N, C-alpha and C. Protein backbone atom coordinates (compact mmCIF):
# COMPACT_ATOMS: atom_id res chain seq x y z
N MET A 1 0.85 -1.17 0.00
CA MET A 1 0.00 0.00 0.00
C MET A 1 0.90 1.23 0.00
N THR A 2 0.60 2.12 -0.94
CA THR A 2 1.40 3.34 -1.03
C THR A 2 0.86 4.38 -0.06
N ASN A 3 1.68 5.43 0.11
CA ASN A 3 1.29 6.53 0.99
C ASN A 3 0.00 7.21 0.49
N GLU A 4 -0.12 7.36 -0.84
CA GLU A 4 -1.32 8.00 -1.41
C GLU A 4 -2.57 7.18 -1.13
N GLN A 5 -2.45 5.84 -1.27
CA GLN A 5 -3.61 4.98 -1.00
C GLN A 5 -4.00 5.01 0.47
N ALA A 6 -3.05 5.10 1.35
CA ALA A 6 -3.33 5.12 2.77
C ALA A 6 -4.02 6.41 3.19
N ASN A 7 -3.73 7.53 2.49
CA ASN A 7 -4.33 8.82 2.84
C ASN A 7 -5.71 9.02 2.22
N GLU A 8 -6.07 8.20 1.23
CA GLU A 8 -7.38 8.34 0.60
C GLU A 8 -8.46 7.78 1.51
N THR A 9 -9.54 8.52 1.61
CA THR A 9 -10.68 8.07 2.40
C THR A 9 -11.84 7.84 1.48
N THR A 10 -12.49 6.73 1.66
CA THR A 10 -13.66 6.41 0.84
C THR A 10 -14.91 6.80 1.61
N TYR A 11 -15.77 7.57 0.95
CA TYR A 11 -17.02 7.98 1.56
C TYR A 11 -18.18 7.33 0.83
N ARG A 12 -19.09 6.77 1.60
CA ARG A 12 -20.29 6.17 1.04
C ARG A 12 -21.51 6.82 1.67
N PRO A 13 -22.49 7.21 0.86
CA PRO A 13 -23.71 7.75 1.48
C PRO A 13 -24.47 6.63 2.18
N SER A 14 -24.93 6.90 3.37
CA SER A 14 -25.60 5.85 4.13
C SER A 14 -27.10 5.79 3.83
N GLY A 15 -27.75 6.93 3.59
CA GLY A 15 -29.18 6.94 3.33
C GLY A 15 -30.01 6.69 4.58
N HIS A 16 -29.36 6.56 5.73
CA HIS A 16 -30.07 6.23 6.98
C HIS A 16 -29.92 7.34 8.01
N HIS A 17 -29.77 8.55 7.59
CA HIS A 17 -29.58 9.65 8.53
C HIS A 17 -30.85 10.47 8.62
N PRO A 18 -31.61 10.36 9.72
CA PRO A 18 -32.89 11.06 9.83
C PRO A 18 -32.77 12.58 9.66
N ALA A 19 -31.69 13.16 10.15
CA ALA A 19 -31.54 14.61 10.03
C ALA A 19 -31.46 15.04 8.57
N ALA A 20 -30.88 14.19 7.72
CA ALA A 20 -30.81 14.50 6.29
C ALA A 20 -32.21 14.58 5.70
N TRP A 21 -33.07 13.67 6.09
CA TRP A 21 -34.45 13.69 5.57
C TRP A 21 -35.20 14.92 6.07
N VAL A 22 -34.97 15.29 7.30
CA VAL A 22 -35.62 16.49 7.84
C VAL A 22 -35.15 17.73 7.08
N LEU A 23 -33.86 17.83 6.81
CA LEU A 23 -33.33 18.98 6.06
C LEU A 23 -33.88 19.02 4.65
N ILE A 24 -33.96 17.87 3.98
CA ILE A 24 -34.51 17.83 2.63
C ILE A 24 -35.97 18.27 2.63
N ALA A 25 -36.75 17.78 3.59
CA ALA A 25 -38.16 18.15 3.67
C ALA A 25 -38.32 19.63 4.00
N LEU A 26 -37.53 20.13 4.94
CA LEU A 26 -37.62 21.53 5.33
C LEU A 26 -37.24 22.44 4.17
N GLY A 27 -36.16 22.12 3.48
CA GLY A 27 -35.76 22.90 2.30
C GLY A 27 -36.82 22.88 1.22
N SER A 28 -37.42 21.70 0.99
CA SER A 28 -38.49 21.59 -0.01
C SER A 28 -39.68 22.45 0.38
N LEU A 29 -40.04 22.41 1.66
CA LEU A 29 -41.15 23.21 2.14
C LEU A 29 -40.89 24.69 1.95
N LEU A 30 -39.72 25.14 2.33
CA LEU A 30 -39.39 26.57 2.20
C LEU A 30 -39.36 27.00 0.74
N LEU A 31 -38.85 26.15 -0.14
CA LEU A 31 -38.84 26.46 -1.56
C LEU A 31 -40.26 26.56 -2.10
N LEU A 32 -41.10 25.57 -1.76
CA LEU A 32 -42.49 25.62 -2.20
C LEU A 32 -43.23 26.82 -1.63
N SER A 33 -42.92 27.17 -0.39
CA SER A 33 -43.55 28.31 0.22
C SER A 33 -43.15 29.61 -0.48
N ASN A 34 -41.92 29.68 -0.99
CA ASN A 34 -41.49 30.86 -1.75
C ASN A 34 -42.14 30.92 -3.13
N LEU A 35 -42.41 29.77 -3.72
CA LEU A 35 -42.95 29.72 -5.07
C LEU A 35 -44.48 29.75 -5.11
N LEU A 36 -45.12 29.21 -4.09
CA LEU A 36 -46.58 29.08 -4.07
C LEU A 36 -47.14 29.67 -2.77
N ASP A 37 -48.43 29.90 -2.75
CA ASP A 37 -49.09 30.35 -1.52
C ASP A 37 -49.63 29.11 -0.81
N ILE A 38 -48.85 28.60 0.14
CA ILE A 38 -49.19 27.34 0.82
C ILE A 38 -49.67 27.65 2.23
N GLY A 39 -50.72 26.95 2.64
CA GLY A 39 -51.23 27.10 4.00
C GLY A 39 -50.34 26.39 5.01
N GLY A 40 -50.62 26.62 6.29
CA GLY A 40 -49.82 26.06 7.36
C GLY A 40 -49.89 24.54 7.47
N GLY A 41 -50.98 23.93 6.99
CA GLY A 41 -51.10 22.49 7.06
C GLY A 41 -50.04 21.76 6.26
N ILE A 42 -49.64 22.36 5.16
CA ILE A 42 -48.62 21.73 4.31
C ILE A 42 -47.30 21.61 5.06
N PHE A 43 -46.98 22.58 5.90
CA PHE A 43 -45.75 22.52 6.68
C PHE A 43 -45.71 21.26 7.52
N PHE A 44 -46.82 20.97 8.23
CA PHE A 44 -46.87 19.77 9.07
C PHE A 44 -46.82 18.49 8.24
N ILE A 45 -47.46 18.49 7.09
CA ILE A 45 -47.45 17.31 6.23
C ILE A 45 -46.04 17.02 5.73
N VAL A 46 -45.34 18.05 5.27
CA VAL A 46 -43.98 17.86 4.75
C VAL A 46 -43.04 17.44 5.88
N LEU A 47 -43.14 18.08 7.02
CA LEU A 47 -42.29 17.70 8.16
C LEU A 47 -42.59 16.26 8.59
N GLY A 48 -43.86 15.91 8.64
CA GLY A 48 -44.23 14.52 8.96
C GLY A 48 -43.72 13.56 7.91
N GLY A 49 -43.74 13.96 6.65
CA GLY A 49 -43.20 13.13 5.58
C GLY A 49 -41.71 12.87 5.75
N ALA A 50 -41.00 13.86 6.25
CA ALA A 50 -39.56 13.67 6.51
C ALA A 50 -39.36 12.64 7.62
N PHE A 51 -40.15 12.75 8.68
CA PHE A 51 -40.06 11.76 9.75
C PHE A 51 -40.44 10.36 9.24
N LEU A 52 -41.45 10.30 8.37
CA LEU A 52 -41.87 9.01 7.82
C LEU A 52 -40.77 8.42 6.96
N ALA A 53 -40.12 9.25 6.15
CA ALA A 53 -39.00 8.76 5.33
C ALA A 53 -37.87 8.26 6.23
N GLY A 54 -37.61 8.99 7.31
CA GLY A 54 -36.59 8.54 8.25
C GLY A 54 -36.97 7.21 8.89
N HIS A 55 -38.23 7.05 9.22
CA HIS A 55 -38.70 5.78 9.79
C HIS A 55 -38.52 4.64 8.80
N LEU A 56 -38.91 4.89 7.57
CA LEU A 56 -38.82 3.82 6.57
C LEU A 56 -37.39 3.45 6.24
N SER A 57 -36.48 4.43 6.30
CA SER A 57 -35.09 4.13 5.97
C SER A 57 -34.31 3.55 7.14
N THR A 58 -34.71 3.84 8.36
CA THR A 58 -33.95 3.36 9.52
C THR A 58 -34.69 2.30 10.33
N ARG A 59 -35.97 2.13 10.06
CA ARG A 59 -36.83 1.23 10.83
C ARG A 59 -36.90 1.64 12.30
N ASN A 60 -36.73 2.93 12.56
CA ASN A 60 -36.79 3.48 13.91
C ASN A 60 -38.24 3.80 14.23
N TYR A 61 -38.83 3.01 15.13
CA TYR A 61 -40.24 3.19 15.50
C TYR A 61 -40.50 4.57 16.08
N GLY A 62 -39.52 5.15 16.75
CA GLY A 62 -39.66 6.47 17.34
C GLY A 62 -39.90 7.57 16.33
N LEU A 63 -39.58 7.35 15.08
CA LEU A 63 -39.83 8.34 14.03
C LEU A 63 -41.23 8.21 13.43
N LEU A 64 -41.82 7.01 13.53
CA LEU A 64 -43.15 6.79 12.96
C LEU A 64 -44.21 7.59 13.73
N ILE A 65 -44.07 7.68 15.03
CA ILE A 65 -45.08 8.35 15.86
C ILE A 65 -45.19 9.84 15.50
N PRO A 66 -44.09 10.62 15.56
CA PRO A 66 -44.25 12.03 15.17
C PRO A 66 -44.62 12.19 13.70
N ALA A 67 -44.20 11.26 12.86
CA ALA A 67 -44.54 11.35 11.44
C ALA A 67 -46.04 11.34 11.23
N MET A 68 -46.70 10.38 11.79
CA MET A 68 -48.14 10.25 11.55
C MET A 68 -48.95 11.30 12.31
N ILE A 69 -48.47 11.74 13.46
CA ILE A 69 -49.15 12.81 14.18
C ILE A 69 -49.06 14.11 13.38
N LEU A 70 -47.88 14.42 12.87
CA LEU A 70 -47.71 15.64 12.08
C LEU A 70 -48.49 15.60 10.78
N ILE A 71 -48.47 14.46 10.10
CA ILE A 71 -49.22 14.33 8.85
C ILE A 71 -50.71 14.45 9.12
N GLY A 72 -51.20 13.80 10.17
CA GLY A 72 -52.62 13.90 10.52
C GLY A 72 -53.02 15.32 10.87
N MET A 73 -52.18 15.99 11.66
CA MET A 73 -52.48 17.37 12.03
C MET A 73 -52.46 18.27 10.80
N GLY A 74 -51.48 18.09 9.93
CA GLY A 74 -51.40 18.91 8.71
C GLY A 74 -52.58 18.69 7.79
N ALA A 75 -53.00 17.44 7.65
CA ALA A 75 -54.17 17.15 6.81
C ALA A 75 -55.41 17.79 7.41
N GLY A 76 -55.55 17.73 8.73
CA GLY A 76 -56.70 18.34 9.40
C GLY A 76 -56.72 19.86 9.22
N ILE A 77 -55.57 20.49 9.36
CA ILE A 77 -55.49 21.95 9.18
C ILE A 77 -55.84 22.32 7.74
N SER A 78 -55.32 21.55 6.78
CA SER A 78 -55.61 21.84 5.38
C SER A 78 -57.09 21.68 5.07
N LEU A 79 -57.71 20.62 5.59
CA LEU A 79 -59.14 20.41 5.35
C LEU A 79 -59.98 21.46 6.08
N SER A 80 -59.54 21.89 7.26
CA SER A 80 -60.25 22.96 7.97
C SER A 80 -60.19 24.26 7.18
N ASP A 81 -59.03 24.55 6.60
CA ASP A 81 -58.90 25.77 5.78
C ASP A 81 -59.84 25.73 4.58
N LEU A 82 -60.06 24.53 4.04
CA LEU A 82 -60.97 24.39 2.89
C LEU A 82 -62.44 24.41 3.32
N GLU A 83 -62.69 24.25 4.63
CA GLU A 83 -64.05 24.17 5.17
C GLU A 83 -64.87 23.13 4.40
N LEU A 84 -64.25 21.98 4.18
CA LEU A 84 -64.86 20.89 3.45
C LEU A 84 -66.13 20.41 4.14
N PHE A 85 -67.22 20.34 3.44
CA PHE A 85 -68.53 19.93 3.94
C PHE A 85 -69.04 20.84 5.05
N GLY A 86 -68.42 22.02 5.25
CA GLY A 86 -68.86 22.95 6.26
C GLY A 86 -68.45 22.61 7.68
N PHE A 87 -67.57 21.64 7.85
CA PHE A 87 -67.16 21.19 9.18
C PHE A 87 -65.72 21.62 9.46
N GLU A 88 -65.46 22.91 9.57
CA GLU A 88 -64.09 23.34 9.77
C GLU A 88 -63.54 22.99 11.15
N ASN A 89 -64.40 22.85 12.16
CA ASN A 89 -63.93 22.61 13.53
C ASN A 89 -63.58 21.15 13.82
N TYR A 90 -63.94 20.24 12.97
CA TYR A 90 -63.79 18.82 13.31
C TYR A 90 -62.73 18.09 12.49
N TRP A 91 -62.12 18.76 11.53
CA TRP A 91 -61.15 18.07 10.69
C TRP A 91 -59.84 17.78 11.42
N VAL A 92 -59.37 18.69 12.25
CA VAL A 92 -58.08 18.46 12.93
C VAL A 92 -58.16 17.25 13.86
N PRO A 93 -59.15 17.16 14.78
CA PRO A 93 -59.16 15.96 15.62
C PRO A 93 -59.43 14.68 14.83
N PHE A 94 -60.25 14.77 13.77
CA PHE A 94 -60.54 13.59 12.96
C PHE A 94 -59.26 13.08 12.29
N CYS A 95 -58.55 13.98 11.61
CA CYS A 95 -57.33 13.56 10.90
C CYS A 95 -56.21 13.17 11.86
N LEU A 96 -56.16 13.82 13.02
CA LEU A 96 -55.18 13.42 14.03
C LEU A 96 -55.47 12.01 14.51
N GLY A 97 -56.76 11.70 14.73
CA GLY A 97 -57.15 10.34 15.09
C GLY A 97 -56.78 9.34 14.02
N ILE A 98 -56.99 9.69 12.76
CA ILE A 98 -56.59 8.82 11.65
C ILE A 98 -55.08 8.64 11.64
N GLY A 99 -54.34 9.68 12.01
CA GLY A 99 -52.89 9.57 12.10
C GLY A 99 -52.46 8.54 13.14
N PHE A 100 -53.14 8.53 14.30
CA PHE A 100 -52.84 7.52 15.32
C PHE A 100 -53.17 6.12 14.83
N VAL A 101 -54.30 5.98 14.16
CA VAL A 101 -54.67 4.66 13.61
C VAL A 101 -53.63 4.24 12.57
N ALA A 102 -53.13 5.19 11.79
CA ALA A 102 -52.11 4.88 10.79
C ALA A 102 -50.81 4.40 11.42
N ILE A 103 -50.47 4.90 12.62
CA ILE A 103 -49.29 4.38 13.33
C ILE A 103 -49.44 2.88 13.52
N TYR A 104 -50.60 2.48 13.99
CA TYR A 104 -50.87 1.06 14.22
C TYR A 104 -50.80 0.28 12.91
N LEU A 105 -51.47 0.77 11.87
CA LEU A 105 -51.55 0.04 10.60
C LEU A 105 -50.20 -0.08 9.92
N ILE A 106 -49.45 1.02 9.88
CA ILE A 106 -48.12 0.97 9.25
C ILE A 106 -47.20 0.03 10.01
N ASP A 107 -47.23 0.13 11.33
CA ASP A 107 -46.36 -0.73 12.13
C ASP A 107 -46.77 -2.19 11.99
N ARG A 108 -48.04 -2.48 11.95
CA ARG A 108 -48.51 -3.86 11.81
C ARG A 108 -48.14 -4.46 10.47
N THR A 109 -48.06 -3.64 9.44
CA THR A 109 -47.70 -4.17 8.12
C THR A 109 -46.19 -4.25 7.92
N THR A 110 -45.42 -3.70 8.88
CA THR A 110 -43.97 -3.72 8.71
C THR A 110 -43.24 -4.45 9.82
N TRP A 111 -43.23 -3.91 11.05
CA TRP A 111 -42.32 -4.45 12.06
C TRP A 111 -42.97 -4.92 13.35
N PHE A 112 -44.25 -4.72 13.56
CA PHE A 112 -44.99 -5.24 14.71
C PHE A 112 -44.39 -4.83 16.06
N GLN A 113 -44.19 -3.53 16.28
CA GLN A 113 -43.61 -3.08 17.55
C GLN A 113 -44.62 -2.38 18.45
N SER A 114 -45.70 -1.82 17.92
CA SER A 114 -46.49 -0.86 18.68
C SER A 114 -47.52 -1.46 19.62
N GLY A 115 -48.02 -2.62 19.37
CA GLY A 115 -49.17 -3.09 20.12
C GLY A 115 -50.40 -2.32 19.65
N THR A 116 -51.39 -2.23 20.51
CA THR A 116 -52.64 -1.58 20.11
C THR A 116 -52.80 -0.18 20.68
N TRP A 117 -51.81 0.35 21.36
CA TRP A 117 -51.96 1.64 22.02
C TRP A 117 -52.40 2.75 21.08
N PRO A 118 -51.94 2.84 19.81
CA PRO A 118 -52.37 3.97 18.97
C PRO A 118 -53.87 3.96 18.65
N LEU A 119 -54.50 2.80 18.77
CA LEU A 119 -55.93 2.73 18.46
C LEU A 119 -56.77 3.45 19.51
N TRP A 120 -56.31 3.53 20.74
CA TRP A 120 -57.08 4.19 21.80
C TRP A 120 -57.22 5.69 21.56
N PRO A 121 -56.12 6.45 21.46
CA PRO A 121 -56.31 7.88 21.21
C PRO A 121 -56.89 8.13 19.82
N GLY A 122 -56.50 7.30 18.84
CA GLY A 122 -57.03 7.48 17.48
C GLY A 122 -58.53 7.26 17.42
N GLY A 123 -59.00 6.18 18.03
CA GLY A 123 -60.43 5.90 18.03
C GLY A 123 -61.21 6.96 18.78
N PHE A 124 -60.67 7.43 19.91
CA PHE A 124 -61.34 8.47 20.70
C PHE A 124 -61.46 9.76 19.90
N LEU A 125 -60.37 10.18 19.25
CA LEU A 125 -60.41 11.42 18.48
C LEU A 125 -61.36 11.32 17.28
N VAL A 126 -61.33 10.20 16.59
CA VAL A 126 -62.25 10.02 15.45
C VAL A 126 -63.70 10.02 15.94
N LEU A 127 -63.97 9.29 17.02
CA LEU A 127 -65.33 9.21 17.54
C LEU A 127 -65.85 10.59 17.95
N ILE A 128 -65.08 11.33 18.71
CA ILE A 128 -65.51 12.64 19.18
C ILE A 128 -65.70 13.61 18.01
N SER A 129 -64.82 13.57 17.03
CA SER A 129 -64.97 14.51 15.91
C SER A 129 -66.16 14.13 15.03
N VAL A 130 -66.40 12.85 14.81
CA VAL A 130 -67.58 12.43 14.02
C VAL A 130 -68.84 12.78 14.80
N TRP A 131 -68.82 12.57 16.10
CA TRP A 131 -69.97 12.90 16.94
C TRP A 131 -70.26 14.40 16.88
N GLY A 132 -69.22 15.23 16.99
CA GLY A 132 -69.40 16.67 16.92
C GLY A 132 -69.93 17.14 15.57
N ALA A 133 -69.40 16.55 14.50
CA ALA A 133 -69.88 16.92 13.16
C ALA A 133 -71.33 16.48 12.97
N ALA A 134 -71.70 15.31 13.50
CA ALA A 134 -73.09 14.84 13.39
C ALA A 134 -74.03 15.75 14.16
N TYR A 135 -73.59 16.22 15.31
CA TYR A 135 -74.42 17.15 16.08
C TYR A 135 -74.59 18.47 15.32
N GLU A 136 -73.48 18.99 14.80
CA GLU A 136 -73.54 20.25 14.07
C GLU A 136 -74.43 20.14 12.83
N ALA A 137 -74.46 18.96 12.21
CA ALA A 137 -75.29 18.75 11.03
C ALA A 137 -76.75 18.50 11.40
N GLY A 138 -77.03 18.30 12.69
CA GLY A 138 -78.39 18.05 13.12
C GLY A 138 -78.80 16.59 13.06
N TRP A 139 -77.86 15.67 12.94
CA TRP A 139 -78.17 14.25 12.85
C TRP A 139 -78.40 13.62 14.21
N ILE A 140 -77.88 14.25 15.28
CA ILE A 140 -78.14 13.77 16.64
C ILE A 140 -78.67 14.93 17.46
N ASP A 141 -79.39 14.63 18.53
CA ASP A 141 -80.01 15.70 19.31
C ASP A 141 -79.11 16.14 20.47
N GLN A 142 -79.56 17.15 21.19
CA GLN A 142 -78.80 17.75 22.28
C GLN A 142 -78.48 16.76 23.39
N LEU A 143 -79.39 15.82 23.67
CA LEU A 143 -79.18 14.86 24.74
C LEU A 143 -77.85 14.11 24.55
N TRP A 144 -77.59 13.66 23.36
CA TRP A 144 -76.34 12.96 23.10
C TRP A 144 -75.15 13.90 23.18
N TRP A 145 -75.36 15.13 22.76
CA TRP A 145 -74.25 16.08 22.74
C TRP A 145 -73.80 16.44 24.16
N ASP A 146 -74.70 16.34 25.14
CA ASP A 146 -74.33 16.64 26.52
C ASP A 146 -73.18 15.74 26.99
N PHE A 147 -73.18 14.48 26.56
CA PHE A 147 -72.10 13.57 26.93
C PHE A 147 -70.76 14.11 26.40
N VAL A 148 -70.76 14.62 25.18
CA VAL A 148 -69.52 15.15 24.60
C VAL A 148 -69.08 16.40 25.37
N ASP A 149 -70.03 17.24 25.77
CA ASP A 149 -69.69 18.41 26.59
C ASP A 149 -69.02 17.98 27.89
N ILE A 150 -69.55 16.96 28.51
CA ILE A 150 -68.96 16.44 29.75
C ILE A 150 -67.56 15.89 29.47
N MET A 151 -67.40 15.17 28.36
CA MET A 151 -66.11 14.58 28.03
C MET A 151 -65.06 15.65 27.71
N GLU A 152 -65.49 16.80 27.16
CA GLU A 152 -64.53 17.87 26.88
C GLU A 152 -63.82 18.32 28.15
N VAL A 153 -64.50 18.26 29.28
CA VAL A 153 -63.92 18.67 30.55
C VAL A 153 -63.23 17.50 31.24
N TRP A 154 -63.85 16.33 31.21
CA TRP A 154 -63.39 15.21 32.02
C TRP A 154 -62.56 14.17 31.30
N TRP A 155 -62.22 14.35 30.01
CA TRP A 155 -61.47 13.32 29.32
C TRP A 155 -60.10 13.05 29.95
N PRO A 156 -59.43 14.01 30.61
CA PRO A 156 -58.16 13.66 31.27
C PRO A 156 -58.32 12.59 32.34
N ALA A 157 -59.52 12.48 32.92
CA ALA A 157 -59.76 11.43 33.92
C ALA A 157 -59.59 10.04 33.29
N LEU A 158 -59.95 9.91 32.01
CA LEU A 158 -59.74 8.64 31.32
C LEU A 158 -58.26 8.30 31.20
N ILE A 159 -57.44 9.33 30.97
CA ILE A 159 -55.99 9.11 30.88
C ILE A 159 -55.45 8.68 32.24
N ILE A 160 -55.95 9.30 33.29
CA ILE A 160 -55.52 8.92 34.65
C ILE A 160 -55.90 7.47 34.93
N LEU A 161 -57.13 7.10 34.60
CA LEU A 161 -57.57 5.71 34.80
C LEU A 161 -56.72 4.72 33.99
N TRP A 162 -56.39 5.11 32.78
CA TRP A 162 -55.56 4.28 31.93
C TRP A 162 -54.21 4.06 32.59
N GLY A 163 -53.60 5.14 33.12
CA GLY A 163 -52.32 5.04 33.79
C GLY A 163 -52.38 4.16 35.02
N VAL A 164 -53.44 4.30 35.82
CA VAL A 164 -53.62 3.47 37.02
C VAL A 164 -53.74 2.01 36.61
N THR A 165 -54.48 1.75 35.54
CA THR A 165 -54.64 0.37 35.05
C THR A 165 -53.29 -0.21 34.64
N LEU A 166 -52.46 0.58 33.97
CA LEU A 166 -51.14 0.10 33.57
C LEU A 166 -50.26 -0.19 34.78
N LEU A 167 -50.33 0.68 35.80
CA LEU A 167 -49.56 0.44 37.01
C LEU A 167 -50.00 -0.83 37.72
N ARG A 168 -51.30 -1.04 37.80
CA ARG A 168 -51.81 -2.25 38.46
C ARG A 168 -51.41 -3.49 37.69
N ARG A 169 -51.45 -3.42 36.38
CA ARG A 169 -51.07 -4.58 35.56
C ARG A 169 -49.59 -4.88 35.76
N ARG A 170 -48.75 -3.86 35.78
CA ARG A 170 -47.32 -4.06 35.98
C ARG A 170 -47.05 -4.63 37.36
N LYS A 171 -47.77 -4.14 38.37
CA LYS A 171 -47.55 -4.64 39.73
C LYS A 171 -47.87 -6.13 39.82
N LYS A 172 -48.93 -6.57 39.18
CA LYS A 172 -49.28 -7.98 39.19
C LYS A 172 -48.21 -8.83 38.56
N VAL A 173 -47.58 -8.34 37.50
CA VAL A 173 -46.52 -9.09 36.83
C VAL A 173 -45.29 -9.20 37.71
N GLU A 174 -44.96 -8.10 38.44
CA GLU A 174 -43.77 -8.11 39.28
C GLU A 174 -43.94 -8.98 40.52
N ASP A 175 -45.15 -9.12 41.08
CA ASP A 175 -45.37 -9.92 42.29
C ASP A 175 -45.23 -11.40 42.05
């Protein structure tokens, strides 16, 4: 081996660097924002897409969660801006719920790491947003809507109960 060969360094692109995907998505978003009049929802979709690309290239489950939450939130904001079907207030929680369900579905079709936890917040958000839209459209009466009003205040109690249930389950396993 000569001195020249020993000093040469070979560089190979890895394609598995999440920060690179975030930079590419952010640069693309800023360029599109300079060229077009884009709403705020697109920002979340593109950023979520970068996290999703990072997840797919690295198989890092921790990137799938923010990816689908950001994409769901961005889709909801975009649909709210369009006031599609006249339901501007219900698109964000609905699409965010779909994003949580997508975490479960994508993971189940690829690496099976998540369990069923994403279905709980996803199902709750979809149910509440569909219920709210049905009330606003006049498909359900005030009696049913009262439950949703109560849940708007007391839904954190469900999270507390969920946490207590997890602690009790863990304690039984340890004993």
